[in-house]
Protein backbone atom coordinates (compact mmCIF):
# COMPACT_ATOMS: atom_id res chain seq x y z
CA UNK A 1 -64.59 30.71 94.85
CA UNK A 2 -61.07 30.31 94.22
CA UNK A 3 -58.43 30.63 97.40
CA UNK A 4 -55.52 32.81 97.57
CA UNK A 5 -53.13 30.01 97.24
CA UNK A 6 -54.89 28.04 93.91
CA UNK A 7 -55.41 31.75 92.42
CA UNK A 8 -51.82 32.19 92.81
CA UNK A 9 -50.89 28.80 91.41
CA UNK A 10 -53.18 30.03 88.14
CA UNK A 11 -50.95 32.47 87.46
CA UNK A 12 -47.68 30.52 88.43
CA UNK A 13 -49.08 28.15 85.82
CA UNK A 14 -49.35 30.16 83.15
CA UNK A 15 -45.76 31.47 83.63
CA UNK A 16 -44.54 28.04 83.50
CA UNK A 17 -46.15 27.65 80.19
CA UNK A 18 -44.91 30.03 78.17
CA UNK A 19 -41.98 29.18 75.92
CA UNK A 20 -38.48 28.81 77.56
CA UNK A 21 -37.34 31.58 75.03
CA UNK A 22 -39.11 34.33 76.85
CA UNK A 23 -38.25 33.22 80.00
CA UNK A 24 -35.00 35.44 80.01
CA UNK A 25 -37.00 39.04 79.05
CA UNK A 26 -38.80 38.05 82.34
CA UNK A 27 -36.30 37.61 84.97
CA UNK A 28 -36.40 40.99 86.19
CA UNK A 29 -40.43 41.63 86.12
CA UNK A 30 -41.88 41.60 89.69
CA UNK A 31 -44.96 39.42 88.85
CA UNK A 32 -47.21 39.58 91.58
CA UNK A 33 -51.08 39.24 92.70
CA UNK A 34 -53.59 42.09 94.66
CA UNK A 35 -56.55 41.73 96.04
CA UNK A 36 -57.86 44.99 94.21
CA UNK A 37 -56.21 48.17 92.30
CA UNK A 38 -55.84 50.78 94.60
CA UNK A 39 -58.21 53.73 93.23
CA UNK A 40 -55.92 56.48 94.21
CA UNK A 41 -53.31 54.49 91.61
CA UNK A 42 -55.93 54.25 89.21
CA UNK A 43 -57.45 57.84 89.38
CA UNK A 44 -53.29 59.21 88.73
CA UNK A 45 -53.55 56.76 85.76
CA UNK A 46 -56.67 58.21 84.57
CA UNK A 47 -58.52 54.91 84.64
CA UNK A 48 -62.03 55.69 84.92
CA UNK A 49 -63.68 54.85 87.79
CA UNK A 50 -66.27 52.42 86.14
CA UNK A 51 -63.33 50.17 84.80
CA UNK A 52 -62.66 46.60 85.59
CA UNK A 53 -59.45 46.21 85.75
CA UNK A 54 -57.47 42.79 86.04
CA UNK A 55 -54.00 43.41 85.75
CA UNK A 56 -51.64 46.05 85.45
CA UNK A 57 -48.14 46.22 83.97
CA UNK A 58 -46.14 49.28 85.50
CA UNK A 59 -42.80 50.61 85.10
CA UNK A 60 -40.51 49.76 81.69
CA UNK A 61 -41.15 47.83 78.96
CA UNK A 62 -38.61 45.03 77.40
CA UNK A 63 -35.40 47.49 76.85
CA UNK A 64 -34.99 48.01 80.36
CA UNK A 65 -31.60 48.73 81.55
CA UNK A 66 -32.39 49.33 85.26
CA UNK A 67 -30.81 52.42 85.37
CA UNK A 68 -32.57 55.35 87.14
CA UNK A 69 -36.26 53.87 86.88
CA UNK A 70 -38.13 51.20 88.91
CA UNK A 71 -38.14 47.92 87.42
CA UNK A 72 -41.21 46.74 85.56
CA UNK A 73 -44.34 44.91 87.46
CA UNK A 74 -47.26 42.93 86.51
CA UNK A 75 -50.13 42.87 89.13
CA UNK A 76 -52.98 40.70 88.38
CA UNK A 77 -56.04 41.76 90.25
CA UNK A 78 -57.83 38.48 92.17
CA UNK A 79 -60.94 40.77 93.06
CA UNK A 80 -62.21 41.59 89.75
CA UNK A 81 -61.74 38.61 88.28
CA UNK A 82 -63.33 36.67 90.96
CA UNK A 83 -66.07 39.23 91.06
CA UNK A 84 -67.04 38.72 87.51
CA UNK A 85 -66.07 34.87 87.27
CA UNK A 86 -66.91 32.06 89.75
CA UNK A 87 -66.71 28.73 87.38
CA UNK A 88 -62.81 27.54 88.07
CA UNK A 89 -62.49 27.00 84.53
CA UNK A 90 -63.58 30.46 83.73
CA UNK A 91 -61.49 32.01 86.36
CA UNK A 92 -58.88 29.92 84.83
CA UNK A 93 -58.73 31.28 81.73
CA UNK A 94 -59.34 34.67 82.94
CA UNK A 95 -55.96 34.81 84.70
CA UNK A 96 -54.23 32.86 82.01
CA UNK A 97 -55.64 35.67 79.46
CA UNK A 98 -54.98 38.46 81.78
CA UNK A 99 -51.06 37.38 82.51
CA UNK A 100 -50.53 37.12 78.79
CA UNK A 101 -52.11 40.34 78.26
CA UNK A 102 -49.97 42.29 81.02
CA UNK A 103 -46.71 40.45 79.36
CA UNK A 104 -47.74 41.59 75.77
CA UNK A 105 -47.70 45.36 77.18
CA UNK A 106 -44.58 44.59 79.24
CA UNK A 107 -43.30 43.46 75.02
CA UNK A 108 -44.61 46.72 74.14
CA UNK A 109 -47.91 45.57 72.72
CA UNK A 110 -50.91 47.94 72.39
CA UNK A 111 -54.24 47.05 73.36
CA UNK A 112 -55.14 46.94 69.55
CA UNK A 113 -52.42 44.43 68.94
CA UNK A 114 -53.45 42.34 72.02
CA UNK A 115 -57.11 42.26 70.71
CA UNK A 116 -56.03 40.76 67.60
CA UNK A 117 -54.16 38.09 69.29
CA UNK A 118 -57.20 37.44 71.41
CA UNK A 119 -55.99 38.88 74.18
CA UNK A 120 -58.11 41.94 75.16
């Protein structure tokens, strides 16, 4: 099982691997790791209780100017990923896929777009 530090490192590793041209767009995006999604928040968002969520992009997408809205946040959920994957290679792959998936949402991509890119 991946320790919290190791899991955080996998997220950081994925972010560091992004092209430098994308980095300025992500400067104002808080990217965090939480253990599990908050059931009340998921209910409020209309996420079915039986759906497994590995990550979530909250707040505005690209084009956010900082006015009147909370800043964009990307959350990666450690618990569900570790519950579904045990091998380090599988955890590493899913963390990367999830981080890229949520960044894709920040850039305005839909689930269909992400599916076409192999990030669903």
